[in-house]
Protein backbone atom coordinates (compact mmCIF):
# COMPACT_ATOMS: atom_id res chain seq x y z
CA UNK A 1 -47.82 -1.15 -11.61
CA UNK A 2 -46.69 -3.47 -14.07
CA UNK A 3 -49.59 -5.48 -15.87
CA UNK A 4 -49.55 -9.29 -15.60
CA UNK A 5 -52.04 -12.17 -16.49
CA UNK A 6 -52.15 -14.49 -13.55
CA UNK A 7 -53.06 -18.22 -14.19
CA UNK A 8 -56.56 -19.15 -12.91
CA UNK A 9 -56.69 -22.63 -12.03
CA UNK A 10 -58.35 -24.83 -14.26
CA UNK A 11 -56.47 -23.09 -17.01
CA UNK A 12 -55.72 -25.37 -20.57
CA UNK A 13 -51.88 -25.75 -20.25
CA UNK A 14 -50.28 -26.49 -23.30
CA UNK A 15 -48.67 -30.02 -23.53
CA UNK A 16 -51.00 -31.47 -21.18
CA UNK A 17 -52.68 -34.34 -23.12
CA UNK A 18 -56.67 -33.49 -24.04
CA UNK A 19 -55.82 -30.03 -23.40
CA UNK A 20 -56.61 -30.52 -19.74
CA UNK A 21 -56.60 -28.13 -16.54
CA UNK A 22 -53.45 -27.13 -15.68
CA UNK A 23 -52.18 -28.78 -12.32
CA UNK A 24 -51.09 -26.30 -9.81
CA UNK A 25 -47.80 -25.09 -9.23
CA UNK A 26 -47.94 -26.48 -5.66
CA UNK A 27 -50.63 -28.70 -3.91
CA UNK A 28 -49.82 -29.32 -0.16
CA UNK A 29 -52.94 -31.53 1.14
CA UNK A 30 -53.89 -32.11 5.06
CA UNK A 31 -49.87 -31.01 6.13
CA UNK A 32 -49.47 -32.01 9.78
CA UNK A 33 -46.27 -31.85 12.32
CA UNK A 34 -46.03 -32.12 16.20
CA UNK A 35 -43.50 -31.45 18.21
CA UNK A 36 -43.61 -33.66 21.03
CA UNK A 37 -47.50 -32.91 22.65
CA UNK A 38 -47.73 -29.54 20.28
CA UNK A 39 -49.32 -29.59 17.22
CA UNK A 40 -47.78 -26.72 15.37
CA UNK A 41 -49.57 -27.10 11.79
CA UNK A 42 -52.76 -29.43 11.86
CA UNK A 43 -54.58 -30.57 8.80
CA UNK A 44 -52.82 -27.65 6.55
CA UNK A 45 -54.04 -27.27 3.19
CA UNK A 46 -52.16 -24.92 0.30
CA UNK A 47 -52.62 -24.99 -3.58
CA UNK A 48 -50.47 -22.51 -5.12
CA UNK A 49 -51.13 -22.01 -9.13
CA UNK A 50 -48.62 -20.72 -11.61
CA UNK A 51 -47.66 -17.21 -11.91
CA UNK A 52 -49.80 -16.51 -8.59
CA UNK A 53 -48.33 -13.77 -5.73
CA UNK A 54 -49.66 -15.29 -2.84
CA UNK A 55 -50.13 -14.04 0.92
CA UNK A 56 -49.12 -16.07 3.84
CA UNK A 57 -49.96 -14.38 6.88
CA UNK A 58 -50.58 -15.41 10.77
CA UNK A 59 -50.25 -14.05 14.00
CA UNK A 60 -46.45 -15.34 15.72
CA UNK A 61 -46.85 -18.92 16.73
CA UNK A 62 -49.56 -19.58 14.16
CA UNK A 63 -47.62 -22.38 12.22
CA UNK A 64 -46.50 -19.75 9.29
CA UNK A 65 -43.18 -20.86 10.00
CA UNK A 66 -43.02 -24.85 10.08
CA UNK A 67 -45.41 -24.49 6.66
CA UNK A 68 -42.12 -22.84 4.84
CA UNK A 69 -40.16 -25.15 6.72
CA UNK A 70 -41.78 -28.08 5.33
CA UNK A 71 -42.60 -26.62 1.70
CA UNK A 72 -38.49 -25.83 1.73
CA UNK A 73 -37.16 -29.23 2.74
CA UNK A 74 -35.85 -28.26 6.20
CA UNK A 75 -38.85 -30.08 8.31
CA UNK A 76 -40.77 -33.33 6.99
CA UNK A 77 -44.12 -33.45 7.87
CA UNK A 78 -45.70 -36.00 9.82
CA UNK A 79 -48.21 -36.40 7.65
CA UNK A 80 -50.20 -34.90 4.07
CA UNK A 81 -48.54 -34.60 0.73
CA UNK A 82 -46.90 -32.20 -1.43
CA UNK A 83 -46.86 -32.08 -5.10
CA UNK A 84 -45.60 -30.04 -7.66
CA UNK A 85 -46.94 -29.39 -11.21
CA UNK A 86 -48.97 -32.43 -11.11
CA UNK A 87 -45.78 -34.83 -9.68
CA UNK A 88 -45.35 -35.87 -6.73
CA UNK A 89 -41.95 -33.65 -5.00
CA UNK A 90 -38.95 -35.30 -3.12
CA UNK A 91 -38.63 -32.30 -0.13
CA UNK A 92 -36.53 -34.19 2.12
CA UNK A 93 -33.75 -31.48 2.37
CA UNK A 94 -33.06 -28.54 1.31
CA UNK A 95 -31.11 -29.17 -1.10
CA UNK A 96 -34.16 -31.49 -2.80
CA UNK A 97 -36.62 -29.01 -2.59
CA UNK A 98 -34.06 -26.37 -4.32
CA UNK A 99 -34.09 -29.74 -7.04
CA UNK A 100 -37.38 -29.19 -7.33
CA UNK A 101 -37.41 -26.16 -8.18
CA UNK A 102 -38.15 -24.22 -4.44
CA UNK A 103 -36.43 -21.11 -3.57
CA UNK A 104 -36.63 -19.63 -0.32
CA UNK A 105 -35.35 -16.25 1.15
CA UNK A 106 -35.36 -16.74 5.24
CA UNK A 107 -36.23 -13.55 7.26
CA UNK A 108 -32.76 -14.18 8.70
CA UNK A 109 -29.78 -12.93 6.10
CA UNK A 110 -27.91 -15.45 4.68
CA UNK A 111 -25.54 -13.72 3.03
CA UNK A 112 -21.94 -13.95 4.11
CA UNK A 113 -20.69 -10.27 4.87
CA UNK A 114 -17.09 -11.09 4.42
CA UNK A 115 -17.68 -11.96 0.96
CA UNK A 116 -18.04 -10.01 -2.61
CA UNK A 117 -21.56 -9.48 -3.95
CA UNK A 118 -20.67 -12.03 -6.71
CA UNK A 119 -19.56 -14.61 -3.94
CA UNK A 120 -22.16 -14.22 -2.58
CA UNK A 121 -24.95 -14.54 -5.56
CA UNK A 122 -22.84 -17.78 -6.54
CA UNK A 123 -23.52 -19.68 -2.81
CA UNK A 124 -25.84 -22.59 -3.32
CA UNK A 125 -25.44 -22.74 -7.06
CA UNK A 126 -26.00 -26.57 -8.41
CA UNK A 127 -23.22 -25.78 -10.79
CA UNK A 128 -20.05 -23.37 -11.15
CA UNK A 129 -19.33 -21.50 -14.55
CA UNK A 130 -15.83 -23.43 -16.65
CA UNK A 131 -14.17 -21.24 -18.69
CA UNK A 132 -13.50 -17.82 -20.08
CA UNK A 133 -17.18 -17.63 -21.61
CA UNK A 134 -19.36 -19.36 -19.13
CA UNK A 135 -17.96 -16.80 -16.35
CA UNK A 136 -18.66 -14.07 -18.27
CA UNK A 137 -22.07 -15.04 -19.54
CA UNK A 138 -22.72 -15.47 -15.60
CA UNK A 139 -21.54 -12.38 -14.46
CA UNK A 140 -24.08 -10.39 -16.97
CA UNK A 141 -26.76 -12.60 -15.92
CA UNK A 142 -25.54 -12.02 -12.13
CA UNK A 143 -25.72 -8.29 -12.87
CA UNK A 144 -29.11 -8.84 -14.74
CA UNK A 145 -30.95 -10.44 -11.34
CA UNK A 146 -29.36 -7.19 -9.22
CA UNK A 147 -30.71 -4.96 -11.70
CA UNK A 148 -34.45 -6.73 -11.47
CA UNK A 149 -34.07 -5.44 -7.28
CA UNK A 150 -33.09 -2.09 -8.22
CA UNK A 151 -28.96 -2.91 -7.86
CA UNK A 152 -28.31 -2.38 -11.05
CA UNK A 153 -25.19 0.46 -10.25
CA UNK A 154 -23.93 -2.68 -7.50
CA UNK A 155 -20.64 -4.04 -8.72
CA UNK A 156 -20.23 -7.96 -8.18
CA UNK A 157 -16.83 -7.28 -6.58
CA UNK A 158 -18.35 -5.05 -3.79
CA UNK A 159 -18.17 -6.83 -0.09
CA UNK A 160 -21.07 -7.40 1.28
CA UNK A 161 -20.23 -6.09 4.81
CA UNK A 162 -20.32 -2.55 3.03
CA UNK A 163 -23.81 -2.81 2.29
CA UNK A 164 -26.50 -1.78 4.07
CA UNK A 165 -29.11 -3.87 5.94
CA UNK A 166 -31.47 -3.55 2.83
CA UNK A 167 -29.15 -3.69 0.59
CA UNK A 168 -28.13 -7.01 1.81
CA UNK A 169 -32.09 -7.95 1.56
CA UNK A 170 -32.10 -7.60 -2.09
CA UNK A 171 -28.88 -9.22 -2.51
CA UNK A 172 -30.42 -12.26 -1.22
CA UNK A 173 -33.49 -11.77 -3.45
CA UNK A 174 -31.61 -11.60 -6.39
CA UNK A 175 -29.74 -14.84 -5.56
CA UNK A 176 -33.18 -16.82 -5.44
CA UNK A 177 -33.75 -15.32 -8.86
CA UNK A 178 -30.42 -16.95 -10.03
CA UNK A 179 -31.92 -20.01 -9.00
CA UNK A 180 -34.55 -20.59 -11.72
CA UNK A 181 -36.71 -21.71 -9.15
CA UNK A 182 -40.70 -22.15 -10.08
CA UNK A 183 -41.79 -21.22 -6.51
CA UNK A 184 -39.96 -18.55 -4.84
CA UNK A 185 -41.10 -18.03 -1.06
CA UNK A 186 -40.08 -14.51 0.54
CA UNK A 187 -40.06 -14.68 4.27
CA UNK A 188 -40.97 -11.15 5.67
CA UNK A 189 -38.54 -9.81 2.51
CA UNK A 190 -39.55 -6.02 3.58
CA UNK A 191 -38.83 -5.80 7.26
CA UNK A 192 -35.24 -4.23 7.02
CA UNK A 193 -35.98 -2.08 3.91
CA UNK A 194 -36.54 1.83 3.26
CA UNK A 195 -39.84 2.77 1.14
CA UNK A 196 -37.89 2.75 -2.26
CA UNK A 197 -35.77 -0.47 -1.44
CA UNK A 198 -39.60 -1.86 -0.87
CA UNK A 199 -41.11 -0.59 -4.34
CA UNK A 200 -38.04 -2.75 -6.01
CA UNK A 201 -38.74 -5.59 -3.98
CA UNK A 202 -42.36 -5.24 -5.84
CA UNK A 203 -41.29 -4.61 -8.82
CA UNK A 204 -38.94 -7.92 -8.86
CA UNK A 205 -41.89 -9.54 -7.66
CA UNK A 206 -44.30 -8.69 -10.46
CA UNK A 207 -41.76 -9.50 -12.95
CA UNK A 208 -41.00 -13.35 -11.70
CA UNK A 209 -44.98 -13.85 -11.54
CA UNK A 210 -45.31 -12.57 -14.49
CA UNK A 211 -42.59 -15.03 -16.00
CA UNK A 212 -44.86 -17.75 -14.73
CA UNK A 213 -43.11 -18.33 -11.39
CA UNK A 214 -45.10 -18.59 -8.12
CA UNK A 215 -44.35 -16.23 -5.45
CA UNK A 216 -45.07 -16.79 -1.31
CA UNK A 217 -45.37 -13.92 0.40
CA UNK A 218 -45.14 -14.17 4.25
CA UNK A 219 -45.44 -10.63 5.93
CA UNK A 220 -46.69 -8.57 8.67
CA UNK A 221 -46.83 -5.55 6.66
CA UNK A 222 -50.49 -6.55 5.97
CA UNK A 223 -51.00 -3.17 3.46
CA UNK A 224 -48.04 -4.47 1.58
CA UNK A 225 -49.80 -8.11 1.63
CA UNK A 226 -52.70 -6.89 0.19
CA UNK A 227 -50.88 -4.30 -2.40
CA UNK A 228 -49.00 -6.86 -4.19
CA UNK A 229 -50.63 -10.19 -3.42
CA UNK A 230 -53.42 -12.26 -5.41
CA UNK A 231 -54.61 -14.26 -2.69
CA UNK A 232 -54.47 -14.60 1.23
CA UNK A 233 -54.21 -17.31 3.23
CA UNK A 234 -54.13 -16.71 7.05
CA UNK A 235 -53.50 -19.86 9.38
CA UNK A 236 -54.08 -19.34 13.14
CA UNK A 237 -53.51 -21.81 15.54
CA UNK A 238 -51.72 -24.10 13.16
CA UNK A 239 -55.22 -24.37 10.81
CA UNK A 240 -55.54 -22.48 7.76
CA UNK A 241 -58.42 -20.06 8.70
CA UNK A 242 -59.32 -18.91 4.77
CA UNK A 243 -57.69 -18.07 1.71
CA UNK A 244 -59.03 -15.29 -0.12
CA UNK A 245 -58.98 -12.85 -3.00
CA UNK A 246 -56.41 -9.75 -1.68
CA UNK A 247 -59.20 -7.37 -3.59
CA UNK A 248 -62.11 -8.69 -1.63
CA UNK A 249 -60.04 -7.82 1.93
CA UNK A 250 -59.09 -4.69 4.14
CA UNK A 251 -56.77 -4.38 6.64
CA UNK A 252 -59.33 -4.97 9.52
CA UNK A 253 -61.02 -8.08 7.78
CA UNK A 254 -57.43 -9.52 7.32
CA UNK A 255 -56.60 -9.00 11.18
CA UNK A 256 -59.95 -10.16 12.18
CA UNK A 257 -59.25 -13.35 10.56
CA UNK A 258 -55.65 -13.59 11.86
CA UNK A 259 -56.11 -13.12 15.34
CA UNK A 260 -60.09 -14.27 15.61
CA UNK A 261 -61.79 -11.02 16.87
CA UNK A 262 -62.16 -7.26 15.51
CA UNK A 263 -59.21 -4.96 17.06
CA UNK A 264 -60.35 -1.63 18.13
CA UNK A 265 -58.21 0.90 17.32
CA UNK A 266 -56.26 2.09 20.28
CA UNK A 267 -56.64 5.33 21.46
CA UNK A 268 -53.77 7.73 22.60
CA UNK A 269 -53.52 8.94 26.04
CA UNK A 270 -52.24 12.62 25.73
CA UNK A 271 -49.41 12.77 28.54
CA UNK A 272 -48.13 16.44 29.32
CA UNK A 273 -44.37 16.58 29.83
CA UNK A 274 -43.33 16.74 33.29
CA UNK A 275 -41.28 19.89 34.82
CA UNK A 276 -37.98 19.61 36.13
CA UNK A 277 -35.03 17.69 35.05
CA UNK A 278 -35.43 15.96 31.82
CA UNK A 279 -34.88 12.26 31.88
CA UNK A 280 -32.50 12.94 28.75
CA UNK A 281 -31.09 16.02 27.40
CA UNK A 282 -28.92 15.71 23.90
CA UNK A 283 -27.12 18.93 22.32
CA UNK A 284 -25.41 18.67 18.66
CA UNK A 285 -25.57 15.10 18.54
CA UNK A 286 -23.31 13.86 15.09
CA UNK A 287 -21.63 11.49 13.59
CA UNK A 288 -19.23 11.88 10.59
CA UNK A 289 -20.91 11.07 7.12
CA UNK A 290 -24.20 9.82 8.86
CA UNK A 291 -25.93 12.35 11.71
CA UNK A 292 -25.64 15.93 10.93
CA UNK A 293 -26.42 17.99 14.67
CA UNK A 294 -29.59 16.87 16.15
CA UNK A 295 -30.96 18.35 19.60
CA UNK A 296 -33.94 16.72 21.43
CA UNK A 297 -34.85 17.10 24.99
CA UNK A 298 -37.24 14.95 26.36
CA UNK A 299 -38.58 14.27 29.51
CA UNK A 300 -40.22 11.90 31.99
CA UNK A 301 -43.55 10.25 30.63
CA UNK A 302 -43.10 11.05 26.88
CA UNK A 303 -42.54 9.24 23.90
CA UNK A 304 -40.65 10.20 20.83
CA UNK A 305 -40.86 8.32 17.31
CA UNK A 306 -37.32 8.95 15.11
CA UNK A 307 -39.03 8.46 11.71
CA UNK A 308 -36.94 7.96 8.56
CA UNK A 309 -35.84 4.99 6.04
CA UNK A 310 -33.05 2.79 6.26
CA UNK A 311 -30.11 5.17 6.33
CA UNK A 312 -32.08 8.46 7.01
CA UNK A 313 -30.25 9.01 10.43
CA UNK A 314 -32.38 8.20 12.57
CA UNK A 315 -30.84 4.49 14.03
CA UNK A 316 -28.09 6.25 13.96
CA UNK A 317 -29.59 8.72 16.90
CA UNK A 318 -30.68 5.72 18.91
CA UNK A 319 -27.43 3.82 18.54
CA UNK A 320 -25.26 7.35 19.77
CA UNK A 321 -27.32 7.47 22.50
CA UNK A 322 -26.89 3.91 23.17
CA UNK A 323 -22.82 4.35 23.23
CA UNK A 324 -22.23 2.61 20.19
CA UNK A 325 -21.37 5.00 17.56
CA UNK A 326 -17.31 5.02 18.72
CA UNK A 327 -17.17 8.67 16.36
CA UNK A 328 -19.94 10.52 17.98
CA UNK A 329 -19.67 13.92 18.92
CA UNK A 330 -21.69 16.36 21.28
CA UNK A 331 -23.54 16.41 24.53
CA UNK A 332 -26.01 14.07 26.16
CA UNK A 333 -27.19 14.70 29.56
CA UNK A 334 -29.12 11.86 31.42
CA UNK A 335 -30.96 13.63 34.73
CA UNK A 336 -28.34 16.72 34.05
CA UNK A 337 -24.92 14.35 34.47
CA UNK A 338 -23.01 14.36 31.12
CA UNK A 339 -22.89 11.03 29.58
CA UNK A 340 -19.16 10.35 27.60
CA UNK A 341 -20.07 9.10 24.12
CA UNK A 342 -19.46 6.08 22.44
CA UNK A 343 -18.86 3.87 25.15
CA UNK A 344 -21.79 1.73 25.83
CA UNK A 345 -20.76 0.99 29.33
CA UNK A 346 -21.22 4.32 30.51
CA UNK A 347 -24.39 4.33 28.60
CA UNK A 348 -25.70 1.44 30.50
CA UNK A 349 -24.37 2.74 33.98
CA UNK A 350 -25.99 6.61 33.18
CA UNK A 351 -29.32 4.97 33.15
CA UNK A 352 -29.57 4.11 29.43
CA UNK A 353 -31.48 1.26 27.99
CA UNK A 354 -30.55 -0.08 24.86
CA UNK A 355 -33.27 -2.51 22.46
CA UNK A 356 -31.23 -3.34 19.32
CA UNK A 357 -32.91 -3.44 15.69
CA UNK A 358 -31.31 -6.91 14.96
CA UNK A 359 -32.51 -9.22 17.85
CA UNK A 360 -31.10 -12.12 16.80
CA UNK A 361 -27.54 -11.09 15.94
CA UNK A 362 -27.03 -8.14 18.57
CA UNK A 363 -30.23 -8.38 21.25
CA UNK A 364 -30.44 -11.88 22.07
CA UNK A 365 -28.31 -15.24 22.89
CA UNK A 366 -30.61 -17.39 21.06
CA UNK A 367 -29.68 -21.06 22.45
CA UNK A 368 -29.56 -19.55 25.90
CA UNK A 369 -33.03 -19.23 28.12
CA UNK A 370 -35.29 -16.24 28.59
CA UNK A 371 -33.36 -15.93 32.30
CA UNK A 372 -30.31 -16.34 31.18
CA UNK A 373 -30.71 -13.31 28.69
CA UNK A 374 -32.09 -11.51 31.15
CA UNK A 375 -29.44 -11.87 33.54
CA UNK A 376 -26.44 -11.81 31.44
CA UNK A 377 -25.59 -8.47 32.02
CA UNK A 378 -25.88 -8.90 36.01
CA UNK A 379 -23.86 -11.63 36.65
CA UNK A 380 -22.03 -9.99 39.33
CA UNK A 381 -25.31 -9.44 41.07
CA UNK A 382 -26.68 -13.00 40.81
CA UNK A 383 -22.92 -14.64 42.11
CA UNK A 384 -22.31 -15.67 45.40
CA UNK A 385 -19.92 -14.68 47.79
CA UNK A 386 -16.85 -17.01 45.99
CA UNK A 387 -17.87 -15.72 42.60
CA UNK A 388 -19.84 -19.15 41.87
CA UNK A 389 -23.33 -18.23 40.01
CA UNK A 390 -26.49 -18.39 42.61
CA UNK A 391 -29.30 -19.84 40.28
CA UNK A 392 -32.04 -18.78 43.01
CA UNK A 393 -30.67 -15.21 42.83
CA UNK A 394 -30.82 -15.44 38.80
CA UNK A 395 -33.89 -16.75 39.07
CA UNK A 396 -35.23 -14.11 41.22
CA UNK A 397 -34.00 -11.15 39.21
CA UNK A 398 -34.93 -12.68 35.80
CA UNK A 399 -38.36 -13.06 37.52
CA UNK A 400 -39.08 -9.60 38.55
CA UNK A 401 -37.00 -7.94 35.21
CA UNK A 402 -39.07 -10.42 33.50
CA UNK A 403 -42.84 -8.94 34.85
CA UNK A 404 -41.61 -5.37 33.96
CA UNK A 405 -41.76 -6.56 30.14
CA UNK A 406 -44.70 -8.73 30.10
CA UNK A 407 -42.57 -12.04 30.00
CA UNK A 408 -44.86 -14.85 30.92
CA UNK A 409 -42.92 -16.81 34.58
CA UNK A 410 -43.40 -20.00 32.31
CA UNK A 411 -41.30 -18.83 30.02
CA UNK A 412 -38.42 -18.30 31.78
CA UNK A 413 -36.32 -21.84 31.40
CA UNK A 414 -37.36 -22.10 27.92
CA UNK A 415 -34.55 -21.42 24.92
CA UNK A 416 -35.26 -17.90 23.55
CA UNK A 417 -34.63 -19.24 20.08
CA UNK A 418 -38.53 -21.36 21.05
CA UNK A 419 -40.37 -17.94 21.29
CA UNK A 420 -42.63 -16.29 18.73
CA UNK A 421 -41.13 -12.79 17.95
CA UNK A 422 -42.92 -10.60 19.66
CA UNK A 423 -42.05 -12.66 23.34
CA UNK A 424 -37.99 -12.38 21.87
CA UNK A 425 -38.81 -8.67 21.72
CA UNK A 426 -40.70 -8.29 25.17
CA UNK A 427 -36.95 -10.61 26.27
CA UNK A 428 -34.96 -7.65 24.58
CA UNK A 429 -37.02 -4.93 26.04
CA UNK A 430 -36.40 -6.85 29.71
CA UNK A 431 -32.60 -7.13 29.49
CA UNK A 432 -32.65 -3.15 28.31
CA UNK A 433 -34.83 -2.76 31.94
CA UNK A 434 -32.22 -5.08 34.46
CA UNK A 435 -31.06 -2.36 36.42
CA UNK A 436 -33.30 -0.26 38.58
CA UNK A 437 -32.05 3.18 38.17
CA UNK A 438 -32.97 3.10 34.03
CA UNK A 439 -34.87 6.14 33.01
CA UNK A 440 -34.22 6.24 29.35
CA UNK A 441 -35.15 3.62 26.53
CA UNK A 442 -33.81 3.49 23.59
CA UNK A 443 -35.34 1.19 20.81
CA UNK A 444 -34.69 0.47 17.29
CA UNK A 445 -37.36 -0.65 15.06
CA UNK A 446 -38.99 -1.97 18.00
CA UNK A 447 -42.03 -4.08 16.26
CA UNK A 448 -39.66 -5.55 13.28
CA UNK A 449 -41.23 -9.01 12.74
CA UNK A 450 -43.69 -8.78 15.41
CA UNK A 451 -47.44 -9.70 14.26
CA UNK A 452 -50.60 -7.23 14.36
CA UNK A 453 -51.47 -8.43 18.10
CA UNK A 454 -47.77 -8.60 19.38
CA UNK A 455 -47.22 -5.23 18.13
CA UNK A 456 -50.19 -3.90 20.29
CA UNK A 457 -48.60 -5.81 23.51
CA UNK A 458 -45.42 -3.96 22.86
CA UNK A 459 -47.05 -0.72 22.40
CA UNK A 460 -48.77 -0.87 25.70
CA UNK A 461 -45.77 -1.91 27.11
CA UNK A 462 -43.62 1.18 25.83
CA UNK A 463 -46.64 3.41 26.88
CA UNK A 464 -46.55 1.88 30.09
CA UNK A 465 -42.91 2.59 30.68
CA UNK A 466 -43.52 6.21 29.96
CA UNK A 467 -46.40 6.00 32.65
CA UNK A 468 -44.06 4.35 35.41
CA UNK A 469 -41.99 8.12 34.50
CA UNK A 470 -39.05 6.82 31.65
CA UNK A 471 -38.66 8.81 28.67
CA UNK A 472 -39.03 6.45 25.37
CA UNK A 473 -37.51 7.10 22.23
CA UNK A 474 -37.43 4.96 19.45
CA UNK A 475 -36.31 4.79 15.20
CA UNK A 476 -38.62 3.36 12.82
CA UNK A 477 -39.49 2.78 9.26
CA UNK A 478 -43.01 2.10 9.59
CA UNK A 479 -45.63 4.77 8.90
CA UNK A 480 -48.25 2.44 11.41
CA UNK A 481 -45.74 2.32 14.34
CA UNK A 482 -45.90 6.49 14.11
CA UNK A 483 -49.74 6.88 14.21
CA UNK A 484 -50.83 7.07 17.86
CA UNK A 485 -47.95 5.80 20.23
CA UNK A 486 -45.72 8.71 20.09
CA UNK A 487 -46.11 12.33 21.35
CA UNK A 488 -43.55 13.98 19.10
CA UNK A 489 -42.45 12.46 15.86
CA UNK A 490 -39.10 13.85 14.29
CA UNK A 491 -38.22 12.99 10.52
CA UNK A 492 -34.94 12.43 9.05
CA UNK A 493 -33.69 12.32 5.73
CA UNK A 494 -30.10 12.10 4.73
CA UNK A 495 -28.92 12.64 8.00
CA UNK A 496 -30.61 15.25 8.71
CA UNK A 497 -33.89 16.36 10.96
CA UNK A 498 -36.73 17.67 8.49
CA UNK A 499 -39.44 17.70 10.78
CA UNK A 500 -40.73 18.08 14.11
CA UNK A 501 -44.56 17.16 15.02
CA UNK A 502 -46.61 16.46 17.90
CA UNK A 503 -48.85 13.72 17.31
CA UNK A 504 -51.35 12.90 16.13
CA UNK A 505 -49.77 14.06 12.68
CA UNK A 506 -51.00 12.56 9.49
CA UNK A 507 -48.94 9.50 7.87
CA UNK A 508 -49.07 11.30 4.61
CA UNK A 509 -47.02 14.55 6.49
CA UNK A 510 -44.39 11.95 7.41
CA UNK A 511 -44.28 10.18 4.40
CA UNK A 512 -43.31 13.63 2.60
CA UNK A 513 -40.79 14.09 4.66
CA UNK A 514 -39.08 10.91 5.13
CA UNK A 515 -39.06 10.80 1.29
CA UNK A 516 -38.05 14.14 0.73
CA UNK A 517 -41.04 15.19 -1.33
CA UNK A 518 -41.01 17.98 0.78
CA UNK A 519 -38.10 20.68 1.87
CA UNK A 520 -35.51 19.27 3.65
CA UNK A 521 -33.73 21.48 6.42
CA UNK A 522 -30.65 23.20 5.13
């Protein structure tokens, strides 16, 4: 780990008259924000020091996103004050916040796939280089920012659409580095990254802090928060619960602060695989360039985890089962009936429900209601004799499916975009269950971007689907996802299966295999 010095409150600062204490990098006092009758942020005070990496945690719906939007100029507070380096800050617009030295890397990627890496790095710049010398200097600086996040070999002329999701996230962070911000806000920056890419990001963050910049690290991955940050602020129900030195916290203590109670370890209930016809049988499944032949027999009532880093092949298995890999080859049968590969509609009719790992781009219509999302693939079933939509039928169908996924009736009319990450994911799962004949549910990163309490709810939901006789198969890059949910953990590296274990299995074993620290399959 790279050593660095964190500037503590009260440190004399050069240039401060009389050698007085250095003002905080950011001092937000008594922030408040309401939406109608809902108090989203209630009297939040947050102080950030220069050179500090500050964790910002809380359950979904706690007010984290609202505070981040106020600090980055996307929302105006109803009350309160924000100062930067001792002076009143104009954060009335995102551009004003950028001018004040604040850069944000949102959880939802904003890179433009059709543009090159260099063009994306230039987006949002306050000035453009003019002349050959200035352009050469800018390109050299851009390459350095890419190197700082572990992408030294990435050419500026590479189209972003060719990059993996993890590489796109790293380009986002490199772009923020190029804005020379004194305060960087990183909102779930590691949610889509492999362990190797996370190490690159952590190294970059530490370099940023060592140079005197302040980093706000917003994450649900509490182990990462404690490993990286100097201090951690927890917000719950719109209020700051505590700000604590990370060295004085354990993950369980942090969880307790976030949800207001201790969380007992969930005991895994052993399930015996049912005899008879498998729910799904996979033989020789392969995708050119990304997946070598793979076999799996999943019986009703079982849960199988495919563990691997981004690009390992685990997520490719999920997409191939769902009919989303046009070049997939091999044999897949659901309850003994062969399923044609490469056709998502065929997979759905065969009884396969799919939940995307990118729910906001592939999985949901964010501006539509929860009910509209659930019934989107069942329009024929909710239409009357003359083809007109029957609101009564649609509402009845949506309510029935929603209950299976734990979606509350009061959320049915709400826009999906207004829900927390955990509730959005439950809507995604509800869509996958919208047919009576679903026998297999496949999910890519089922709890990505979901908080601790929401993760437990979704895990219980998936166990419940298995208890109801379905087979559940999911891919994950998160070791915590593999502890007590599945019956079987299958590890991947380089497009190949490298290990298969009945649970419980040690996280060290899984980590060793997915990072190729043990021998791989030949």
